[in-house]
Amino acid sequence: MAATTRGSFPTGIVLHADRGTQFTSQKLAAYMRAVQGTVSMGQAGVCWDNAMAESFWATLKTEYYYRRSFTTRDQVCTGVATWIEDFYNRRRIHTSLGGKPPIEYELHQAAQATAA
């Protein structure tokens, strides 16, 4: 999604994740090396070691996943992707980003870097 929304991979992209098997796989590690990115995850059993990722997953589960019923795996994938891209990244206010959604914050940061 980072590459799709920006046209290419952002320099130094970091994937913050928990220790779920999908994030610790050799396939994902190889992919992240290929795009010159980094996977960031904390130690097993230490929830505050990667608090940002843990907070995101908790928010996703609480605000979206647990409030719906799904009949197919495709519904889950499409629904979660839509929630992240349309709501979480573009409209949901994040106090840690000065009350801005992530996309707005990122554009603001990029504009400041260009102006400097």
PDB file of N, CA and C in Angstrom:
ATOM      1  N   MET A   1       0.826  -1.196   0.000  1.00  0.00           N
ATOM      2  CA  MET A   1       0.000   0.000   0.000  1.00  0.00           C
ATOM      3  C   MET A   1       0.869   1.258   0.000  1.00  0.00           C
ATOM      4  N   ALA A   2       1.989   1.222   0.702  1.00  0.00           N
ATOM      5  CA  ALA A   2       2.859   2.402   0.733  1.00  0.00           C
ATOM      6  C   ALA A   2       3.336   2.752  -0.666  1.00  0.00           C
ATOM      7  N   ALA A   3       3.725   1.745  -1.438  1.00  0.00           N
ATOM      8  CA  ALA A   3       4.192   1.990  -2.800  1.00  0.00           C
ATOM      9  C   ALA A   3       3.041   2.381  -3.716  1.00  0.00           C
ATOM     10  N   THR A   4       1.902   1.752  -3.554  1.00  0.00           N
ATOM     11  CA  THR A   4       0.758   2.023  -4.416  1.00  0.00           C
ATOM     12  C   THR A   4       0.262   3.452  -4.248  1.00  0.00           C
ATOM     13  N   THR A   5       0.154   3.923  -3.027  1.00  0.00           N
ATOM     14  CA  THR A   5      -0.383   5.263  -2.793  1.00  0.00           C
ATOM     15  C   THR A   5       0.609   6.368  -3.126  1.00  0.00           C
ATOM     16  N   ARG A   6       1.906   6.042  -3.161  1.00  0.00           N
ATOM     17  CA  ARG A   6       2.922   7.058  -3.425  1.00  0.00           C
ATOM     18  C   ARG A   6       3.592   6.915  -4.793  1.00  0.00           C
ATOM     19  N   GLY A   7       3.332   5.819  -5.488  1.00  0.00           N
ATOM     20  CA  GLY A   7       3.951   5.597  -6.789  1.00  0.00           C
ATOM     21  C   GLY A   7       5.266   4.849  -6.720  1.00  0.00           C
ATOM     22  N   SER A   8       5.875   4.786  -5.561  1.00  0.00           N
ATOM     23  CA  SER A   8       7.109   4.032  -5.340  1.00  0.00           C
ATOM     24  C   SER A   8       7.266   3.840  -3.827  1.00  0.00           C
ATOM     25  N   PHE A   9       8.245   3.022  -3.448  1.00  0.00           N
ATOM     26  CA  PHE A   9       8.452   2.815  -2.011  1.00  0.00           C
ATOM     27  C   PHE A   9       9.132   4.028  -1.409  1.00  0.00           C
ATOM     28  N   PRO A  10       8.613   4.498  -0.292  1.00  0.00           N
ATOM     29  CA  PRO A  10       9.297   5.591   0.404  1.00  0.00           C
ATOM     30  C   PRO A  10      10.680   5.126   0.860  1.00  0.00           C
ATOM     31  N   THR A  11      11.644   5.993   0.819  1.00  0.00           N
ATOM     32  CA  THR A  11      12.989   5.663   1.268  1.00  0.00           C
ATOM     33  C   THR A  11      12.967   5.271   2.730  1.00  0.00           C
ATOM     34  N   GLY A  12      13.594   4.157   3.048  1.00  0.00           N
ATOM     35  CA  GLY A  12      13.710   3.719   4.435  1.00  0.00           C
ATOM     36  C   GLY A  12      12.413   3.268   5.055  1.00  0.00           C
ATOM     37  N   ILE A  13      11.506   2.712   4.268  1.00  0.00           N
ATOM     38  CA  ILE A  13      10.210   2.287   4.795  1.00  0.00           C
ATOM     39  C   ILE A  13      10.379   1.273   5.925  1.00  0.00           C
ATOM     40  N   VAL A  14       9.567   1.427   6.957  1.00  0.00           N
ATOM     41  CA  VAL A  14       9.602   0.535   8.113  1.00  0.00           C
ATOM     42  C   VAL A  14       8.210  -0.064   8.294  1.00  0.00           C
ATOM     43  N   LEU A  15       8.150  -1.381   8.402  1.00  0.00           N
ATOM     44  CA  LEU A  15       6.899  -2.079   8.694  1.00  0.00           C
ATOM     45  C   LEU A  15       6.920  -2.429  10.172  1.00  0.00           C
ATOM     46  N   HIS A  16       6.103  -1.740  10.951  1.00  0.00           N
ATOM     47  CA  HIS A  16       5.995  -2.032  12.378  1.00  0.00           C
ATOM     48  C   HIS A  16       4.981  -3.153  12.546  1.00  0.00           C
ATOM     49  N   ALA A  17       5.359  -4.205  13.224  1.00  0.00           N
ATOM     50  CA  ALA A  17       4.477  -5.365  13.338  1.00  0.00           C
ATOM     51  C   ALA A  17       4.665  -6.061  14.679  1.00  0.00           C
ATOM     52  N   ASP A  18       3.692  -6.921  14.973  1.00  0.00           N
ATOM     53  CA  ASP A  18       3.856  -7.767  16.147  1.00  0.00           C
ATOM     54  C   ASP A  18       4.531  -9.064  15.692  1.00  0.00           C
ATOM     55  N   ARG A  19       4.581 -10.056  16.533  1.00  0.00           N
ATOM     56  CA  ARG A  19       5.293 -11.289  16.200  1.00  0.00           C
ATOM     57  C   ARG A  19       4.387 -12.368  15.600  1.00  0.00           C
ATOM     58  N   GLY A  20       3.308 -11.960  14.944  1.00  0.00           N
ATOM     59  CA  GLY A  20       2.449 -12.918  14.263  1.00  0.00           C
ATOM     60  C   GLY A  20       3.218 -13.620  13.156  1.00  0.00           C
ATOM     61  N   THR A  21       2.821 -14.830  12.837  1.00  0.00           N
ATOM     62  CA  THR A  21       3.568 -15.619  11.846  1.00  0.00           C
ATOM     63  C   THR A  21       3.641 -14.942  10.485  1.00  0.00           C
ATOM     64  N   GLN A  22       2.610 -14.165  10.136  1.00  0.00           N
ATOM     65  CA  GLN A  22       2.653 -13.492   8.850  1.00  0.00           C
ATOM     66  C   GLN A  22       3.769 -12.451   8.792  1.00  0.00           C
ATOM     67  N   PHE A  23       4.180 -11.931   9.948  1.00  0.00           N
ATOM     68  CA  PHE A  23       5.216 -10.908   9.979  1.00  0.00           C
ATOM     69  C   PHE A  23       6.611 -11.467  10.233  1.00  0.00           C
ATOM     70  N   THR A  24       6.707 -12.698  10.667  1.00  0.00           N
ATOM     71  CA  THR A  24       8.015 -13.300  10.942  1.00  0.00           C
ATOM     72  C   THR A  24       8.419 -14.280   9.848  1.00  0.00           C
ATOM     73  N   SER A  25       7.681 -14.331   8.763  1.00  0.00           N
ATOM     74  CA  SER A  25       7.958 -15.289   7.690  1.00  0.00           C
ATOM     75  C   SER A  25       9.193 -14.905   6.880  1.00  0.00           C
ATOM     76  N   GLN A  26       9.829 -15.909   6.314  1.00  0.00           N
ATOM     77  CA  GLN A  26      10.983 -15.697   5.431  1.00  0.00           C
ATOM     78  C   GLN A  26      10.554 -14.909   4.189  1.00  0.00           C
ATOM     79  N   LYS A  27       9.339 -15.179   3.709  1.00  0.00           N
ATOM     80  CA  LYS A  27       8.832 -14.505   2.512  1.00  0.00           C
ATOM     81  C   LYS A  27       8.748 -12.988   2.729  1.00  0.00           C
ATOM     82  N   LEU A  28       8.206 -12.568   3.874  1.00  0.00           N
ATOM     83  CA  LEU A  28       8.115 -11.135   4.155  1.00  0.00           C
ATOM     84  C   LEU A  28       9.506 -10.539   4.350  1.00  0.00           C
ATOM     85  N   ALA A  29      10.385 -11.249   5.040  1.00  0.00           N
ATOM     86  CA  ALA A  29      11.750 -10.747   5.246  1.00  0.00           C
ATOM     87  C   ALA A  29      12.449 -10.528   3.905  1.00  0.00           C
ATOM     88  N   ALA A  30      12.307 -11.475   2.984  1.00  0.00           N
ATOM     89  CA  ALA A  30      12.925 -11.347   1.661  1.00  0.00           C
ATOM     90  C   ALA A  30      12.331 -10.168   0.891  1.00  0.00           C
ATOM     91  N   TYR A  31      11.015 -10.011   0.988  1.00  0.00           N
ATOM     92  CA  TYR A  31      10.346  -8.904   0.306  1.00  0.00           C
ATOM     93  C   TYR A  31      10.835  -7.560   0.838  1.00  0.00           C
ATOM     94  N   MET A  32      10.911  -7.433   2.140  1.00  0.00           N
ATOM     95  CA  MET A  32      11.366  -6.171   2.724  1.00  0.00           C
ATOM     96  C   MET A  32      12.822  -5.871   2.364  1.00  0.00           C
ATOM     97  N   ARG A  33      13.659  -6.897   2.288  1.00  0.00           N
ATOM     98  CA  ARG A  33      15.044  -6.681   1.831  1.00  0.00           C
ATOM     99  C   ARG A  33      15.051  -6.190   0.386  1.00  0.00           C
ATOM    100  N   ALA A  34      14.201  -6.781  -0.444  1.00  0.00           N
ATOM    101  CA  ALA A  34      14.152  -6.422  -1.871  1.00  0.00           C
ATOM    102  C   ALA A  34      13.744  -4.961  -2.077  1.00  0.00           C
ATOM    103  N   VAL A  35      12.872  -4.438  -1.214  1.00  0.00           N
ATOM    104  CA  VAL A  35      12.440  -3.044  -1.343  1.00  0.00           C
ATOM    105  C   VAL A  35      13.251  -2.115  -0.430  1.00  0.00           C
ATOM    106  N   GLN A  36      14.306  -2.659   0.148  1.00  0.00           N
ATOM    107  CA  GLN A  36      15.197  -1.916   1.047  1.00  0.00           C
ATOM    108  C   GLN A  36      14.439  -1.310   2.231  1.00  0.00           C
ATOM    109  N   GLY A  37      13.549  -2.126   2.778  1.00  0.00           N
ATOM    110  CA  GLY A  37      12.788  -1.723   3.943  1.00  0.00           C
ATOM    111  C   GLY A  37      13.202  -2.523   5.159  1.00  0.00           C
ATOM    112  N   THR A  38      12.622  -2.194   6.276  1.00  0.00           N
ATOM    113  CA  THR A  38      12.947  -2.835   7.539  1.00  0.00           C
ATOM    114  C   THR A  38      11.669  -3.294   8.225  1.00  0.00           C
ATOM    115  N   VAL A  39      11.717  -4.470   8.829  1.00  0.00           N
ATOM    116  CA  VAL A  39      10.617  -4.924   9.671  1.00  0.00           C
ATOM    117  C   VAL A  39      11.003  -4.605  11.108  1.00  0.00           C
ATOM    118  N   SER A  40      10.121  -3.940  11.826  1.00  0.00           N
ATOM    119  CA  SER A  40      10.359  -3.572  13.208  1.00  0.00           C
ATOM    120  C   SER A  40       9.398  -4.356  14.083  1.00  0.00           C
ATOM    121  N   MET A  41       9.935  -5.124  15.006  1.00  0.00           N
ATOM    122  CA  MET A  41       9.076  -5.831  15.956  1.00  0.00           C
ATOM    123  C   MET A  41       9.806  -5.988  17.269  1.00  0.00           C
ATOM    124  N   GLY A  42       9.038  -6.036  18.304  1.00  0.00           N
ATOM    125  CA  GLY A  42       9.616  -6.143  19.631  1.00  0.00           C
ATOM    126  C   GLY A  42       9.874  -7.585  20.023  1.00  0.00           C
ATOM    127  N   GLN A  43      10.291  -7.749  21.252  1.00  0.00           N
ATOM    128  CA  GLN A  43      10.544  -9.076  21.795  1.00  0.00           C
ATOM    129  C   GLN A  43       9.215  -9.756  22.113  1.00  0.00           C
ATOM    130  N   ALA A  44       9.227 -11.066  22.068  1.00  0.00           N
ATOM    131  CA  ALA A  44       8.013 -11.830  22.387  1.00  0.00           C
ATOM    132  C   ALA A  44       7.580 -11.561  23.827  1.00  0.00           C
ATOM    133  N   GLY A  45       6.292 -11.284  24.005  1.00  0.00           N
ATOM    134  CA  GLY A  45       5.732 -11.100  25.335  1.00  0.00           C
ATOM    135  C   GLY A  45       5.962  -9.735  25.951  1.00  0.00           C
ATOM    136  N   VAL A  46       6.522  -8.789  25.203  1.00  0.00           N
ATOM    137  CA  VAL A  46       6.779  -7.452  25.733  1.00  0.00           C
ATOM    138  C   VAL A  46       5.936  -6.467  24.922  1.00  0.00           C
ATOM    139  N   CYS A  47       4.725  -6.216  25.366  1.00  0.00           N
ATOM    140  CA  CYS A  47       3.768  -5.437  24.582  1.00  0.00           C
ATOM    141  C   CYS A  47       4.221  -3.998  24.364  1.00  0.00           C
ATOM    142  N   TRP A  48       4.961  -3.401  25.277  1.00  0.00           N
ATOM    143  CA  TRP A  48       5.372  -2.007  25.129  1.00  0.00           C
ATOM    144  C   TRP A  48       6.666  -1.865  24.329  1.00  0.00           C
ATOM    145  N   ASP A  49       7.262  -2.988  23.916  1.00  0.00           N
ATOM    146  CA  ASP A  49       8.495  -2.950  23.140  1.00  0.00           C
ATOM    147  C   ASP A  49       8.266  -2.349  21.759  1.00  0.00           C
ATOM    148  N   ASN A  50       7.095  -2.509  21.204  1.00  0.00           N
ATOM    149  CA  ASN A  50       6.733  -1.922  19.919  1.00  0.00           C
ATOM    150  C   ASN A  50       5.327  -1.354  20.072  1.00  0.00           C
ATOM    151  N   ALA A  51       5.215  -0.378  20.940  1.00  0.00           N
ATOM    152  CA  ALA A  51       3.913   0.147  21.342  1.00  0.00           C
ATOM    153  C   ALA A  51       3.115   0.708  20.183  1.00  0.00           C
ATOM    154  N   MET A  52       3.780   1.324  19.209  1.00  0.00           N
ATOM    155  CA  MET A  52       3.052   1.904  18.084  1.00  0.00           C
ATOM    156  C   MET A  52       2.314   0.816  17.298  1.00  0.00           C
ATOM    157  N   ALA A  53       3.001  -0.277  17.001  1.00  0.00           N
ATOM    158  CA  ALA A  53       2.367  -1.370  16.261  1.00  0.00           C
ATOM    159  C   ALA A  53       1.262  -2.009  17.092  1.00  0.00           C
ATOM    160  N   GLU A  54       1.526  -2.226  18.365  1.00  0.00           N
ATOM    161  CA  GLU A  54       0.519  -2.833  19.234  1.00  0.00           C
ATOM    162  C   GLU A  54      -0.718  -1.942  19.317  1.00  0.00           C
ATOM    163  N   SER A  55      -0.520  -0.642  19.384  1.00  0.00           N
ATOM    164  CA  SER A  55      -1.634   0.290  19.441  1.00  0.00           C
ATOM    165  C   SER A  55      -2.461   0.235  18.158  1.00  0.00           C
ATOM    166  N   PHE A  56      -1.787   0.174  17.011  1.00  0.00           N
ATOM    167  CA  PHE A  56      -2.507   0.094  15.746  1.00  0.00           C
ATOM    168  C   PHE A  56      -3.380  -1.159  15.687  1.00  0.00           C
ATOM    169  N   TRP A  57      -2.797  -2.322  16.010  1.00  0.00           N
ATOM    170  CA  TRP A  57      -3.564  -3.577  15.932  1.00  0.00           C
ATOM    171  C   TRP A  57      -4.736  -3.560  16.905  1.00  0.00           C
ATOM    172  N   ALA A  58      -4.535  -3.000  18.085  1.00  0.00           N
ATOM    173  CA  ALA A  58      -5.628  -2.901  19.052  1.00  0.00           C
ATOM    174  C   ALA A  58      -6.745  -2.002  18.514  1.00  0.00           C
ATOM    175  N   THR A  59      -6.366  -0.895  17.892  1.00  0.00           N
ATOM    176  CA  THR A  59      -7.350   0.021  17.316  1.00  0.00           C
ATOM    177  C   THR A  59      -8.118  -0.652  16.183  1.00  0.00           C
ATOM    178  N   LEU A  60      -7.399  -1.319  15.301  1.00  0.00           N
ATOM    179  CA  LEU A  60      -8.046  -2.027  14.192  1.00  0.00           C
ATOM    180  C   LEU A  60      -9.060  -3.046  14.697  1.00  0.00           C
ATOM    181  N   LYS A  61      -8.654  -3.827  15.662  1.00  0.00           N
ATOM    182  CA  LYS A  61      -9.549  -4.855  16.200  1.00  0.00           C
ATOM    183  C   LYS A  61     -10.764  -4.235  16.901  1.00  0.00           C
ATOM    184  N   THR A  62     -10.522  -3.239  17.737  1.00  0.00           N
ATOM    185  CA  THR A  62     -11.584  -2.628  18.533  1.00  0.00           C
ATOM    186  C   THR A  62     -12.540  -1.786  17.692  1.00  0.00           C
ATOM    187  N   GLU A  63     -11.991  -0.934  16.828  1.00  0.00           N
ATOM    188  CA  GLU A  63     -12.826   0.001  16.079  1.00  0.00           C
ATOM    189  C   GLU A  63     -13.434  -0.596  14.819  1.00  0.00           C
ATOM    190  N   TYR A  64     -12.840  -1.664  14.300  1.00  0.00           N
ATOM    191  CA  TYR A  64     -13.375  -2.223  13.060  1.00  0.00           C
ATOM    192  C   TYR A  64     -13.725  -3.705  13.165  1.00  0.00           C
ATOM    193  N   TYR A  65     -12.755  -4.537  13.369  1.00  0.00           N
ATOM    194  CA  TYR A  65     -12.923  -5.981  13.220  1.00  0.00           C
ATOM    195  C   TYR A  65     -13.984  -6.574  14.148  1.00  0.00           C
ATOM    196  N   TYR A  66     -13.918  -6.274  15.441  1.00  0.00           N
ATOM    197  CA  TYR A  66     -14.844  -6.875  16.399  1.00  0.00           C
ATOM    198  C   TYR A  66     -16.275  -6.357  16.267  1.00  0.00           C
ATOM    199  N   ARG A  67     -16.475  -5.278  15.535  1.00  0.00           N
ATOM    200  CA  ARG A  67     -17.803  -4.691  15.378  1.00  0.00           C
ATOM    201  C   ARG A  67     -18.555  -5.219  14.164  1.00  0.00           C
ATOM    202  N   ARG A  68     -17.962  -6.157  13.432  1.00  0.00           N
ATOM    203  CA  ARG A  68     -18.572  -6.651  12.210  1.00  0.00           C
ATOM    204  C   ARG A  68     -18.599  -8.164  12.161  1.00  0.00           C
ATOM    205  N   SER A  69     -19.449  -8.679  11.295  1.00  0.00           N
ATOM    206  CA  SER A  69     -19.482 -10.112  11.014  1.00  0.00           C
ATOM    207  C   SER A  69     -19.053 -10.308   9.567  1.00  0.00           C
ATOM    208  N   PHE A  70     -18.241 -11.307   9.334  1.00  0.00           N
ATOM    209  CA  PHE A  70     -17.746 -11.597   7.998  1.00  0.00           C
ATOM    210  C   PHE A  70     -18.117 -13.026   7.641  1.00  0.00           C
ATOM    211  N   THR A  71     -18.451 -13.257   6.387  1.00  0.00           N
ATOM    212  CA  THR A  71     -18.762 -14.619   5.954  1.00  0.00           C
ATOM    213  C   THR A  71     -17.651 -15.216   5.106  1.00  0.00           C
ATOM    214  N   THR A  72     -16.787 -14.365   4.540  1.00  0.00           N
ATOM    215  CA  THR A  72     -15.684 -14.888   3.724  1.00  0.00           C
ATOM    216  C   THR A  72     -14.387 -14.193   4.109  1.00  0.00           C
ATOM    217  N   ARG A  73     -13.310 -14.863   3.811  1.00  0.00           N
ATOM    218  CA  ARG A  73     -11.974 -14.294   4.043  1.00  0.00           C
ATOM    219  C   ARG A  73     -11.777 -13.042   3.183  1.00  0.00           C
ATOM    220  N   ASP A  74     -12.315 -13.065   1.970  1.00  0.00           N
ATOM    221  CA  ASP A  74     -12.204 -11.918   1.071  1.00  0.00           C
ATOM    222  C   ASP A  74     -12.870 -10.678   1.664  1.00  0.00           C
ATOM    223  N   GLN A  75     -14.008 -10.863   2.343  1.00  0.00           N
ATOM    224  CA  GLN A  75     -14.678  -9.740   3.010  1.00  0.00           C
ATOM    225  C   GLN A  75     -13.783  -9.131   4.079  1.00  0.00           C
ATOM    226  N   VAL A  76     -13.088  -9.969   4.813  1.00  0.00           N
ATOM    227  CA  VAL A  76     -12.174  -9.472   5.846  1.00  0.00           C
ATOM    228  C   VAL A  76     -11.054  -8.668   5.199  1.00  0.00           C
ATOM    229  N   CYS A  77     -10.408  -9.234   4.206  1.00  0.00           N
ATOM    230  CA  CYS A  77      -9.267  -8.565   3.554  1.00  0.00           C
ATOM    231  C   CYS A  77      -9.670  -7.234   2.936  1.00  0.00           C
ATOM    232  N   THR A  78     -10.757  -7.248   2.185  1.00  0.00           N
ATOM    233  CA  THR A  78     -11.228  -6.018   1.537  1.00  0.00           C
ATOM    234  C   THR A  78     -11.675  -4.998   2.574  1.00  0.00           C
ATOM    235  N   GLY A  79     -12.415  -5.445   3.560  1.00  0.00           N
ATOM    236  CA  GLY A  79     -12.915  -4.536   4.590  1.00  0.00           C
ATOM    237  C   GLY A  79     -11.805  -3.898   5.403  1.00  0.00           C
ATOM    238  N   VAL A  80     -10.842  -4.696   5.821  1.00  0.00           N
ATOM    239  CA  VAL A  80      -9.727  -4.163   6.611  1.00  0.00           C
ATOM    240  C   VAL A  80      -8.905  -3.183   5.772  1.00  0.00           C
ATOM    241  N   ALA A  81      -8.610  -3.549   4.536  1.00  0.00           N
ATOM    242  CA  ALA A  81      -7.833  -2.655   3.665  1.00  0.00           C
ATOM    243  C   ALA A  81      -8.563  -1.330   3.453  1.00  0.00           C
ATOM    244  N   THR A  82      -9.860  -1.401   3.248  1.00  0.00           N
ATOM    245  CA  THR A  82     -10.655  -0.183   3.049  1.00  0.00           C
ATOM    246  C   THR A  82     -10.678   0.658   4.324  1.00  0.00           C
ATOM    247  N   TRP A  83     -10.874   0.018   5.469  1.00  0.00           N
ATOM    248  CA  TRP A  83     -10.893   0.755   6.743  1.00  0.00           C
ATOM    249  C   TRP A  83      -9.569   1.473   6.958  1.00  0.00           C
ATOM    250  N   ILE A  84      -8.462   0.777   6.721  1.00  0.00           N
ATOM    251  CA  ILE A  84      -7.148   1.390   6.923  1.00  0.00           C
ATOM    252  C   ILE A  84      -6.956   2.565   5.969  1.00  0.00           C
ATOM    253  N   GLU A  85      -7.186   2.323   4.684  1.00  0.00           N
ATOM    254  CA  GLU A  85      -6.889   3.342   3.686  1.00  0.00           C
ATOM    255  C   GLU A  85      -7.883   4.499   3.692  1.00  0.00           C
ATOM    256  N   ASP A  86      -9.164   4.219   3.796  1.00  0.00           N
ATOM    257  CA  ASP A  86     -10.167   5.282   3.721  1.00  0.00           C
ATOM    258  C   ASP A  86     -10.432   5.984   5.043  1.00  0.00           C
ATOM    259  N   PHE A  87     -10.400   5.249   6.141  1.00  0.00           N
ATOM    260  CA  PHE A  87     -10.724   5.869   7.420  1.00  0.00           C
ATOM    261  C   PHE A  87      -9.483   6.166   8.255  1.00  0.00           C
ATOM    262  N   TYR A  88      -8.737   5.127   8.608  1.00  0.00           N
ATOM    263  CA  TYR A  88      -7.616   5.286   9.543  1.00  0.00           C
ATOM    264  C   TYR A  88      -6.562   6.263   9.010  1.00  0.00           C
ATOM    265  N   ASN A  89      -6.176   6.122   7.757  1.00  0.00           N
ATOM    266  CA  ASN A  89      -5.113   6.969   7.202  1.00  0.00           C
ATOM    267  C   ASN A  89      -5.578   8.342   6.750  1.00  0.00           C
ATOM    268  N   ARG A  90      -6.849   8.480   6.383  1.00  0.00           N
ATOM    269  CA  ARG A  90      -7.299   9.728   5.771  1.00  0.00           C
ATOM    270  C   ARG A  90      -8.238  10.584   6.626  1.00  0.00           C
ATOM    271  N   ARG A  91      -8.991   9.959   7.536  1.00  0.00           N
ATOM    272  CA  ARG A  91      -9.982  10.733   8.285  1.00  0.00           C
ATOM    273  C   ARG A  91      -9.840  10.650   9.792  1.00  0.00           C
ATOM    274  N   ARG A  92      -9.323   9.551  10.308  1.00  0.00           N
ATOM    275  CA  ARG A  92      -9.249   9.378  11.763  1.00  0.00           C
ATOM    276  C   ARG A  92      -8.191  10.310  12.343  1.00  0.00           C
ATOM    277  N   ILE A  93      -8.593  11.093  13.325  1.00  0.00           N
ATOM    278  CA  ILE A  93      -7.684  12.034  13.980  1.00  0.00           C
ATOM    279  C   ILE A  93      -6.739  11.258  14.897  1.00  0.00           C
ATOM    280  N   HIS A  94      -5.455  11.597  14.841  1.00  0.00           N
ATOM    281  CA  HIS A  94      -4.438  10.963  15.679  1.00  0.00           C
ATOM    282  C   HIS A  94      -3.820  12.038  16.572  1.00  0.00           C
ATOM    283  N   THR A  95      -4.037  11.925  17.860  1.00  0.00           N
ATOM    284  CA  THR A  95      -3.493  12.935  18.769  1.00  0.00           C
ATOM    285  C   THR A  95      -1.970  12.959  18.736  1.00  0.00           C
ATOM    286  N   SER A  96      -1.345  11.814  18.494  1.00  0.00           N
ATOM    287  CA  SER A  96       0.122  11.769  18.444  1.00  0.00           C
ATOM    288  C   SER A  96       0.676  12.474  17.210  1.00  0.00           C
ATOM    289  N   LEU A  97      -0.184  12.805  16.248  1.00  0.00           N
ATOM    290  CA  LEU A  97       0.233  13.514  15.033  1.00  0.00           C
ATOM    291  C   LEU A  97      -0.320  14.937  15.014  1.00  0.00           C
ATOM    292  N   GLY A  98      -0.534  15.486  16.176  1.00  0.00           N
ATOM    293  CA  GLY A  98      -1.017  16.851  16.276  1.00  0.00           C
ATOM    294  C   GLY A  98      -2.465  17.024  15.835  1.00  0.00           C
ATOM    295  N   GLY A  99      -3.264  15.978  15.997  1.00  0.00           N
ATOM    296  CA  GLY A  99      -4.671  16.062  15.634  1.00  0.00           C
ATOM    297  C   GLY A  99      -4.936  15.912  14.152  1.00  0.00           C
ATOM    298  N   LYS A 100      -3.972  15.340  13.436  1.00  0.00           N
ATOM    299  CA  LYS A 100      -4.122  15.152  11.989  1.00  0.00           C
ATOM    300  C   LYS A 100      -4.195  13.674  11.654  1.00  0.00           C
ATOM    301  N   PRO A 101      -4.857  13.328  10.549  1.00  0.00           N
ATOM    302  CA  PRO A 101      -4.784  11.950  10.050  1.00  0.00           C
ATOM    303  C   PRO A 101      -3.382  11.693   9.481  1.00  0.00           C
ATOM    304  N   PRO A 102      -2.933  10.448   9.415  1.00  0.00           N
ATOM    305  CA  PRO A 102      -1.571  10.158   8.933  1.00  0.00           C
ATOM    306  C   PRO A 102      -1.238  10.727   7.556  1.00  0.00           C
ATOM    307  N   ILE A 103      -2.142  10.651   6.589  1.00  0.00           N
ATOM    308  CA  ILE A 103      -1.845  11.167   5.248  1.00  0.00           C
ATOM    309  C   ILE A 103      -1.618  12.674   5.297  1.00  0.00           C
ATOM    310  N   GLU A 104      -2.480  13.381   6.014  1.00  0.00           N
ATOM    311  CA  GLU A 104      -2.326  14.831   6.141  1.00  0.00           C
ATOM    312  C   GLU A 104      -1.000  15.172   6.826  1.00  0.00           C
ATOM    313  N   TYR A 105      -0.663  14.439   7.871  1.00  0.00           N
ATOM    314  CA  TYR A 105       0.596  14.661   8.580  1.00  0.00           C
ATOM    315  C   TYR A 105       1.794  14.414   7.663  1.00  0.00           C
ATOM    316  N   GLU A 106       1.753  13.312   6.922  1.00  0.00           N
ATOM    317  CA  GLU A 106       2.854  12.984   6.019  1.00  0.00           C
ATOM    318  C   GLU A 106       3.025  14.062   4.945  1.00  0.00           C
ATOM    319  N   LEU A 107       1.927  14.540   4.377  1.00  0.00           N
ATOM    320  CA  LEU A 107       2.010  15.598   3.365  1.00  0.00           C
ATOM    321  C   LEU A 107       2.556  16.876   3.959  1.00  0.00           C
ATOM    322  N   HIS A 108       2.142  17.195   5.176  1.00  0.00           N
ATOM    323  CA  HIS A 108       2.655  18.378   5.879  1.00  0.00           C
ATOM    324  C   HIS A 108       4.167  18.267   6.105  1.00  0.00           C
ATOM    325  N   GLN A 109       4.615  17.099   6.548  1.00  0.00           N
ATOM    326  CA  GLN A 109       6.044  16.874   6.784  1.00  0.00           C
ATOM    327  C   GLN A 109       6.834  16.985   5.480  1.00  0.00           C
ATOM    328  N   ALA A 110       6.302  16.410   4.405  1.00  0.00           N
ATOM    329  CA  ALA A 110       6.979  16.464   3.114  1.00  0.00           C
ATOM    330  C   ALA A 110       7.075  17.908   2.611  1.00  0.00           C
ATOM    331  N   ALA A 111       6.026  18.686   2.812  1.00  0.00           N
ATOM    332  CA  ALA A 111       6.045  20.091   2.397  1.00  0.00           C
ATOM    333  C   ALA A 111       7.082  20.883   3.180  1.00  0.00           C
ATOM    334  N   GLN A 112       7.184  20.603   4.479  1.00  0.00           N
ATOM    335  CA  GLN A 112       8.187  21.292   5.304  1.00  0.00           C
ATOM    336  C   GLN A 112       9.602  20.915   4.863  1.00  0.00           C
ATOM    337  N   ALA A 113       9.822  19.639   4.544  1.00  0.00           N
ATOM    338  CA  ALA A 113      11.139  19.182   4.114  1.00  0.00           C
ATOM    339  C   ALA A 113      11.511  19.806   2.768  1.00  0.00           C
ATOM    340  N   THR A 114      10.544  19.945   1.889  1.00  0.00           N
ATOM    341  CA  THR A 114      10.788  20.561   0.576  1.00  0.00           C
ATOM    342  C   THR A 114      11.100  22.037   0.706  1.00  0.00           C
ATOM    343  N   ALA A 115      10.407  22.710   1.628  1.00  0.00           N
ATOM    344  CA  ALA A 115      10.599  24.150   1.835  1.00  0.00           C
ATOM    345  C   ALA A 115      11.942  24.452   2.485  1.00  0.00           C
ATOM    346  N   ALA A 116      12.485  23.489   3.229  1.00  0.00           N
ATOM    347  CA  ALA A 116      13.743  23.727   3.970  1.00  0.00           C
ATOM    348  C   ALA A 116      14.963  23.663   3.090  1.00  0.00           C
TER     349      ALA A 116
END
